Amino acid sequence: MRIVLDGMGSDQFPEPEIQAALEAAELFGEEIILTGNQELLEPRLKAKNTKKIPVRIEHAPDAVEMSDHAVESVSRKPLNSMAVGLELVRKGEADAFITAGNSGAAMFHAVKILRRMQGIIRPAMVTTIPTKNGRCTFMDTGANADCRPEFLLEFGVMASIYAEKVVGISNPRLGLLSNGEEAGKGNQLVRDAYPVLAASGLNFIGNVEPKELFGGHADVVVADGFTGNIFIKTSEAVAKFITDLLREEISASILRKVGYMLAKPAFAILKKKMDPAEIGAAMLMGVNGYVFIGHGRSDSRALVSAIRLARQAVQNQIVETLPGAIQERLPKPQEQ
């Protein structure tokens, strides 16, 4: 398997990317391709790569910065590390592309270079969220701030395929994120999307509130990208707040430290389940290729997790499975 990692993506590039490429190449026994400025990457890679681990640099003189406008970055920086990596996927010279860079630019480049999958109006980002009894597949995590009901139907189809292929859930229960469980609750988009999803043939269980999501009542939950992004970021912020607060309170006295040592295995399980770095990235579904977008603050551990996720997605042939599901479930799109 040939995985491409954007060497110029994260907030701290290129150190996390180089470290992750070396760890993943050694872990999986396969070459990792780093895209980025060779003059910057090569000496750092040589200094770290004492074991001669198979990591190759694909030269890309430009880098898309977090402050760059997605559309302008294509014309101003045509040979940026995202574009070079995605071209490798388009040409069949790589199986998947991963970046921790500007998510808007990553999506724009992916749509421009790999093109939207036939039948899909809006590609979207999917991830999984820890729940009481497993993980819930969630889409959209931020690719589409403004949506129409038919977009949420697309998200439901794509996220259900992801839940089946990656999470391993047959006929997943699909919920619509809302501020109430009743069919009439929600804003206009939620109220309009409800009957569309109910008539889709998917295993739609209706509206779900965040407490039902975390309680494990749905296997898949969809929302517009604006709501979804706020939901994901709030959830991650609350999880970090709780773990930080626990750490402070535990260290406040000797007795608490003793109690922590006794309960340490339980805390380790909790931390592992709640840590976003365990997943590493969200998959951009709806384009003709495997694309994964991580946090700008990703460290090497998160990027190794993203590489592991990309390998799993490729092995389960998610992209190859989608066209048939789209043709079966979705009406012919009116917008191109």
Protein backbone atom coordinates (compact mmCIF):
# COMPACT_ATOMS: atom_id res chain seq x y z
CA MET A 1 0.00 0.00 0.00
CA ARG A 2 1.26 3.46 -0.90
CA ILE A 3 0.29 6.22 1.52
CA VAL A 4 1.11 9.89 0.91
CA LEU A 5 1.51 12.24 3.88
CA ASP A 6 1.53 16.00 3.39
CA GLY A 7 4.86 17.02 4.91
CA MET A 8 3.88 20.69 5.16
CA GLY A 9 0.46 20.42 6.77
CA SER A 10 0.46 20.57 10.56
CA ASP A 11 0.99 23.64 12.73
CA GLN A 12 4.44 22.31 13.69
CA PHE A 13 5.47 20.93 10.27
CA PRO A 14 7.59 19.14 9.26
CA GLU A 15 8.69 17.46 12.50
CA PRO A 16 5.43 15.58 13.31
CA GLU A 17 5.09 14.46 9.69
CA ILE A 18 8.67 13.17 9.43
CA GLN A 19 8.40 11.32 12.74
CA ALA A 20 5.01 9.83 11.77
CA ALA A 21 6.27 8.73 8.35
CA LEU A 22 9.22 6.92 9.92
CA GLU A 23 7.09 5.27 12.62
CA ALA A 24 4.38 4.19 10.17
CA ALA A 25 6.80 2.89 7.56
CA GLU A 26 8.51 0.78 10.21
CA LEU A 27 5.21 -0.33 11.76
CA PHE A 28 3.53 -1.39 8.51
CA GLY A 29 6.64 -2.40 6.60
CA GLU A 30 5.79 -0.22 3.62
CA GLU A 31 7.16 2.98 2.11
CA ILE A 32 5.56 6.27 3.12
CA ILE A 33 5.70 9.19 0.69
CA LEU A 34 6.19 12.70 2.12
CA THR A 35 5.26 15.68 -0.05
CA GLY A 36 6.92 19.01 0.56
CA ASN A 37 9.97 21.17 -0.01
CA GLN A 38 12.84 18.76 -0.46
CA GLU A 39 15.43 21.26 0.81
CA LEU A 40 13.49 21.52 4.08
CA LEU A 41 12.50 17.87 4.48
CA GLU A 42 15.56 15.95 3.30
CA PRO A 43 18.15 17.00 5.93
CA ARG A 44 15.65 16.53 8.76
CA LEU A 45 14.62 13.13 7.43
CA LYS A 46 18.25 11.99 7.05
CA ALA A 47 19.05 13.08 10.59
CA LYS A 48 16.16 11.06 12.04
CA ASN A 49 16.26 8.06 9.71
CA THR A 50 19.16 6.18 11.28
CA LYS A 51 17.55 2.80 10.50
CA LYS A 52 17.18 3.51 6.75
CA ILE A 53 13.39 3.15 6.98
CA PRO A 54 11.68 3.45 3.56
CA VAL A 55 10.39 7.05 3.48
CA ARG A 56 10.50 8.92 0.18
CA ILE A 57 10.16 12.65 -0.47
CA GLU A 58 8.11 13.90 -3.41
CA HIS A 59 9.25 17.48 -4.02
CA ALA A 60 6.60 20.19 -3.72
CA PRO A 61 8.10 23.69 -3.53
CA ASP A 62 4.98 25.38 -2.19
CA ALA A 63 2.89 24.94 0.95
CA VAL A 64 -0.71 25.95 1.67
CA GLU A 65 -0.84 27.93 4.89
CA MET A 66 -3.75 27.95 7.32
CA SER A 67 -4.44 31.58 6.43
CA ASP A 68 -4.53 30.94 2.66
CA HIS A 69 -7.83 31.14 0.82
CA ALA A 70 -8.76 27.72 -0.56
CA VAL A 71 -9.45 28.82 -4.14
CA GLU A 72 -6.56 31.25 -4.42
CA SER A 73 -4.08 28.67 -3.14
CA VAL A 74 -4.57 26.62 -6.31
CA SER A 75 -3.62 29.45 -8.66
CA ARG A 76 -0.93 31.08 -6.50
CA LYS A 77 0.72 27.85 -5.37
CA PRO A 78 0.04 25.22 -8.05
CA LEU A 79 2.87 22.94 -6.89
CA ASN A 80 1.91 22.91 -3.23
CA SER A 81 2.28 19.78 -1.11
CA MET A 82 -1.47 19.03 -1.20
CA ALA A 83 -1.73 19.26 -4.98
CA VAL A 84 1.38 17.11 -5.53
CA GLY A 85 0.11 14.43 -3.15
CA LEU A 86 -3.37 14.33 -4.62
CA GLU A 87 -1.93 14.09 -8.14
CA LEU A 88 -0.12 10.93 -7.08
CA VAL A 89 -3.47 9.48 -6.02
CA ARG A 90 -5.15 10.59 -9.24
CA LYS A 91 -2.44 8.96 -11.36
CA GLY A 92 -2.68 5.70 -9.41
CA GLU A 93 0.83 6.14 -8.01
CA ALA A 94 -0.53 6.26 -4.44
CA ASP A 95 -3.52 4.75 -2.65
CA ALA A 96 -4.39 7.52 -0.17
CA PHE A 97 -3.48 11.08 0.78
CA ILE A 98 -3.35 12.51 4.32
CA THR A 99 -2.94 16.12 5.41
CA ALA A 100 -3.12 18.03 8.67
CA GLY A 101 -3.28 21.28 6.74
CA ASN A 102 -5.94 23.83 5.81
CA SER A 103 -9.13 21.73 5.63
CA GLY A 104 -10.93 24.05 3.21
CA ALA A 105 -7.97 24.02 0.84
CA ALA A 106 -7.65 20.25 1.18
CA MET A 107 -11.28 19.76 0.20
CA PHE A 108 -11.04 22.22 -2.71
CA HIS A 109 -7.89 20.57 -4.04
CA ALA A 110 -9.41 17.11 -3.67
CA VAL A 111 -12.55 18.07 -5.60
CA LYS A 112 -10.53 19.84 -8.30
CA ILE A 113 -7.97 17.07 -8.79
CA LEU A 114 -9.89 13.86 -7.99
CA ARG A 115 -13.36 15.17 -8.93
CA ARG A 116 -16.63 14.49 -7.20
CA MET A 117 -17.99 10.99 -7.34
CA GLN A 118 -20.85 10.63 -9.80
CA GLY A 119 -24.14 11.25 -8.02
CA ILE A 120 -22.60 13.28 -5.19
CA ILE A 121 -23.30 17.01 -4.97
CA ARG A 122 -21.33 17.72 -1.79
CA PRO A 123 -18.38 15.67 -0.55
CA ALA A 124 -18.23 15.69 3.25
CA MET A 125 -15.96 14.71 6.14
CA VAL A 126 -16.71 11.69 8.31
CA THR A 127 -15.24 10.59 11.63
CA THR A 128 -16.20 8.43 14.60
CA ILE A 129 -17.10 9.60 18.11
CA PRO A 130 -16.77 7.52 21.29
CA THR A 131 -20.10 6.47 22.81
CA LYS A 132 -21.23 4.47 25.82
CA ASN A 133 -21.07 1.17 23.93
CA GLY A 134 -18.75 1.76 21.00
CA ARG A 135 -18.33 4.47 18.38
CA CYS A 136 -20.79 6.56 16.37
CA THR A 137 -20.02 7.55 12.78
CA PHE A 138 -20.57 11.30 12.35
CA MET A 139 -20.85 13.43 9.19
CA ASP A 140 -20.31 16.31 8.31
CA THR A 141 -17.51 17.55 10.55
CA GLY A 142 -17.02 20.84 8.73
CA ALA A 143 -16.79 20.61 4.95
CA ASN A 144 -20.23 22.12 4.18
CA ALA A 145 -21.44 24.96 6.40
CA ASP A 146 -24.65 25.53 4.41
CA CYS A 147 -26.69 22.50 3.42
CA ARG A 148 -29.94 21.42 1.82
CA PRO A 149 -31.98 18.33 2.80
CA GLU A 150 -30.64 16.32 -0.13
CA PHE A 151 -27.08 16.93 1.10
CA LEU A 152 -27.96 15.33 4.42
CA LEU A 153 -29.35 12.34 2.52
CA GLU A 154 -25.99 12.02 0.74
CA PHE A 155 -24.25 12.21 4.12
CA GLY A 156 -26.53 9.48 5.45
CA VAL A 157 -25.66 7.15 2.58
CA MET A 158 -21.91 7.79 2.73
CA ALA A 159 -21.69 7.64 6.52
CA SER A 160 -23.70 4.41 6.61
CA ILE A 161 -21.25 2.80 4.18
CA TYR A 162 -18.39 4.01 6.36
CA ALA A 163 -20.01 2.55 9.48
CA GLU A 164 -20.45 -0.79 7.73
CA LYS A 165 -16.97 -0.98 6.20
CA VAL A 166 -14.77 0.64 8.86
CA VAL A 167 -16.67 0.30 12.15
CA GLY A 168 -18.16 -3.08 11.21
CA ILE A 169 -21.86 -2.37 11.87
CA SER A 170 -24.41 -4.05 9.63
CA ASN A 171 -27.49 -1.97 8.71
CA PRO A 172 -26.44 0.94 10.98
CA ARG A 173 -29.08 3.03 12.75
CA LEU A 174 -29.09 6.55 11.27
CA GLY A 175 -30.03 9.61 13.32
CA LEU A 176 -30.40 13.30 12.49
CA LEU A 177 -28.75 15.65 15.00
CA SER A 178 -31.35 17.99 16.47
CA ASN A 179 -32.37 19.83 19.63
CA GLY A 180 -35.23 17.41 20.26
CA GLU A 181 -36.25 13.86 19.44
CA GLU A 182 -39.68 14.71 18.02
CA ALA A 183 -40.08 14.90 14.24
CA GLY A 184 -41.12 18.56 14.34
CA LYS A 185 -38.08 19.77 16.31
CA GLY A 186 -35.05 21.51 14.85
CA ASN A 187 -34.37 24.38 12.49
CA GLN A 188 -35.83 24.51 8.99
CA LEU A 189 -33.07 22.32 7.52
CA VAL A 190 -33.63 19.58 10.12
CA ARG A 191 -37.41 19.68 9.70
CA ASP A 192 -37.10 19.49 5.90
CA ALA A 193 -34.45 16.74 6.01
CA TYR A 194 -36.46 14.49 8.33
CA PRO A 195 -38.98 13.20 5.72
CA VAL A 196 -36.23 12.89 3.09
CA LEU A 197 -34.22 10.60 5.36
CA ALA A 198 -37.35 8.74 6.50
CA ALA A 199 -38.15 7.87 2.86
CA SER A 200 -34.57 6.96 1.93
CA GLY A 201 -34.60 3.22 2.67
CA LEU A 202 -31.81 3.74 5.19
CA ASN A 203 -32.28 2.53 8.75
CA PHE A 204 -33.45 5.98 9.88
CA ILE A 205 -34.44 6.21 13.55
CA GLY A 206 -35.34 9.92 13.62
CA ASN A 207 -33.91 12.91 15.43
CA VAL A 208 -31.26 12.40 18.08
CA GLU A 209 -29.97 14.81 20.69
CA PRO A 210 -26.31 14.78 21.77
CA LYS A 211 -27.19 12.74 24.85
CA GLU A 212 -28.64 9.97 22.65
CA LEU A 213 -25.56 10.08 20.44
CA PHE A 214 -23.18 9.61 23.37
CA GLY A 215 -25.57 7.10 24.89
CA GLY A 216 -25.10 4.84 21.86
CA HIS A 217 -28.67 5.04 20.55
CA ALA A 218 -27.51 5.67 16.95
CA ASP A 219 -24.69 4.16 14.88
CA VAL A 220 -24.60 7.05 12.39
CA VAL A 221 -25.52 10.71 12.93
CA VAL A 222 -25.63 13.42 10.26
CA ALA A 223 -25.66 17.22 10.48
CA ASP A 224 -24.72 20.21 8.36
CA GLY A 225 -21.02 21.03 8.49
CA PHE A 226 -21.43 24.19 10.57
CA THR A 227 -23.38 22.43 13.31
CA GLY A 228 -21.21 19.34 13.03
CA ASN A 229 -17.95 21.25 13.34
CA ILE A 230 -19.14 23.10 16.44
CA PHE A 231 -20.42 19.84 17.93
CA ILE A 232 -17.11 18.04 17.34
CA LYS A 233 -14.97 20.90 18.65
CA THR A 234 -17.18 21.37 21.70
CA SER A 235 -17.06 17.64 22.46
CA GLU A 236 -13.26 17.59 22.18
CA ALA A 237 -12.95 20.73 24.33
CA VAL A 238 -15.18 19.27 27.05
CA ALA A 239 -13.24 16.00 27.01
CA LYS A 240 -9.95 17.87 27.41
CA PHE A 241 -11.41 20.04 30.16
CA ILE A 242 -12.52 16.97 32.11
CA THR A 243 -9.19 15.17 31.78
CA ASP A 244 -7.21 18.31 32.68
CA LEU A 245 -9.44 18.95 35.69
CA LEU A 246 -9.07 15.35 36.85
CA ARG A 247 -5.30 15.59 36.54
CA GLU A 248 -5.22 18.74 38.67
CA GLU A 249 -7.55 17.36 41.33
CA ILE A 250 -5.71 14.03 41.53
CA SER A 251 -2.41 15.78 42.21
CA ALA A 252 -3.93 17.92 45.00
CA SER A 253 -3.22 15.40 47.78
CA ILE A 254 -1.34 12.19 48.57
CA LEU A 255 -4.59 10.33 49.26
CA ARG A 256 -5.95 11.23 45.84
CA LYS A 257 -2.71 10.14 44.19
CA VAL A 258 -2.98 6.76 45.90
CA GLY A 259 -6.58 6.45 44.74
CA TYR A 260 -5.50 7.32 41.20
CA MET A 261 -2.83 4.60 41.20
CA LEU A 262 -5.49 2.05 42.12
CA ALA A 263 -7.82 3.30 39.37
CA LYS A 264 -5.07 3.96 36.80
CA PRO A 265 -6.15 1.22 34.33
CA ALA A 266 -9.67 2.69 34.19
CA PHE A 267 -8.29 6.19 33.58
CA ALA A 268 -6.04 4.83 30.82
CA ILE A 269 -9.04 3.28 29.05
CA LEU A 270 -11.00 6.55 29.40
CA LYS A 271 -8.14 8.62 28.00
CA LYS A 272 -7.62 6.30 25.06
CA LYS A 273 -11.33 6.33 24.19
CA MET A 274 -11.67 10.11 24.38
CA ASP A 275 -8.41 11.10 22.71
CA PRO A 276 -8.93 12.43 19.12
CA ALA A 277 -5.39 11.34 18.28
CA GLU A 278 -6.57 7.71 18.42
CA ILE A 279 -8.52 8.33 15.18
CA GLY A 280 -6.14 10.86 13.66
CA ALA A 281 -8.18 12.21 10.76
CA ALA A 282 -11.57 12.51 9.09
CA MET A 283 -12.12 10.90 5.70
CA LEU A 284 -13.35 13.15 2.91
CA MET A 285 -16.02 11.04 1.22
CA GLY A 286 -17.60 11.77 -2.14
CA VAL A 287 -14.44 12.26 -4.22
CA ASN A 288 -12.79 9.69 -6.46
CA GLY A 289 -10.01 8.73 -4.10
CA TYR A 290 -8.98 8.28 -0.49
CA VAL A 291 -8.40 11.62 1.24
CA PHE A 292 -7.98 12.17 4.99
CA ILE A 293 -7.87 15.50 6.81
CA GLY A 294 -6.52 15.85 10.35
CA HIS A 295 -6.22 18.62 12.94
CA GLY A 296 -3.62 21.30 12.38
CA ARG A 297 -2.35 20.54 15.88
CA SER A 298 -1.78 16.85 15.03
CA ASP A 299 1.32 15.30 16.55
CA SER A 300 3.15 12.27 15.19
CA ARG A 301 0.90 9.87 17.11
CA ALA A 302 -2.23 11.37 15.54
CA LEU A 303 -0.67 11.16 12.08
CA VAL A 304 0.29 7.50 12.56
CA SER A 305 -3.35 6.88 13.57
CA ALA A 306 -4.45 8.66 10.38
CA ILE A 307 -2.17 6.42 8.30
CA ARG A 308 -3.61 3.35 10.04
CA LEU A 309 -7.15 4.59 9.31
CA ALA A 310 -6.29 5.26 5.66
CA ARG A 311 -4.91 1.76 5.26
CA GLN A 312 -8.05 0.28 6.79
CA ALA A 313 -10.31 2.30 4.48
CA VAL A 314 -8.35 1.25 1.40
CA GLN A 315 -8.38 -2.39 2.48
CA ASN A 316 -12.17 -2.25 2.95
CA GLN A 317 -12.62 -0.61 -0.49
CA ILE A 318 -14.91 2.15 0.72
CA VAL A 319 -14.45 4.33 -2.35
CA GLU A 320 -15.06 1.37 -4.67
CA THR A 321 -18.25 0.46 -2.75
CA LEU A 322 -19.80 3.94 -2.77
CA PRO A 323 -20.90 4.28 -6.43
CA GLY A 324 -23.25 1.31 -6.21
CA ALA A 325 -24.75 2.57 -2.95
CA ILE A 326 -25.14 6.06 -4.38
CA GLN A 327 -26.87 4.77 -7.49
CA GLU A 328 -29.19 2.65 -5.37
CA ARG A 329 -30.06 5.20 -2.69
CA LEU A 330 -29.79 8.68 -4.19
CA PRO A 331 -31.86 10.48 -6.84
CA LYS A 332 -30.03 11.99 -9.79
CA PRO A 333 -28.45 15.27 -8.62
CA GLN A 334 -29.80 18.55 -9.96
CA GLU A 335 -26.70 20.59 -9.13
CA GLN A 336 -23.28 20.05 -10.63
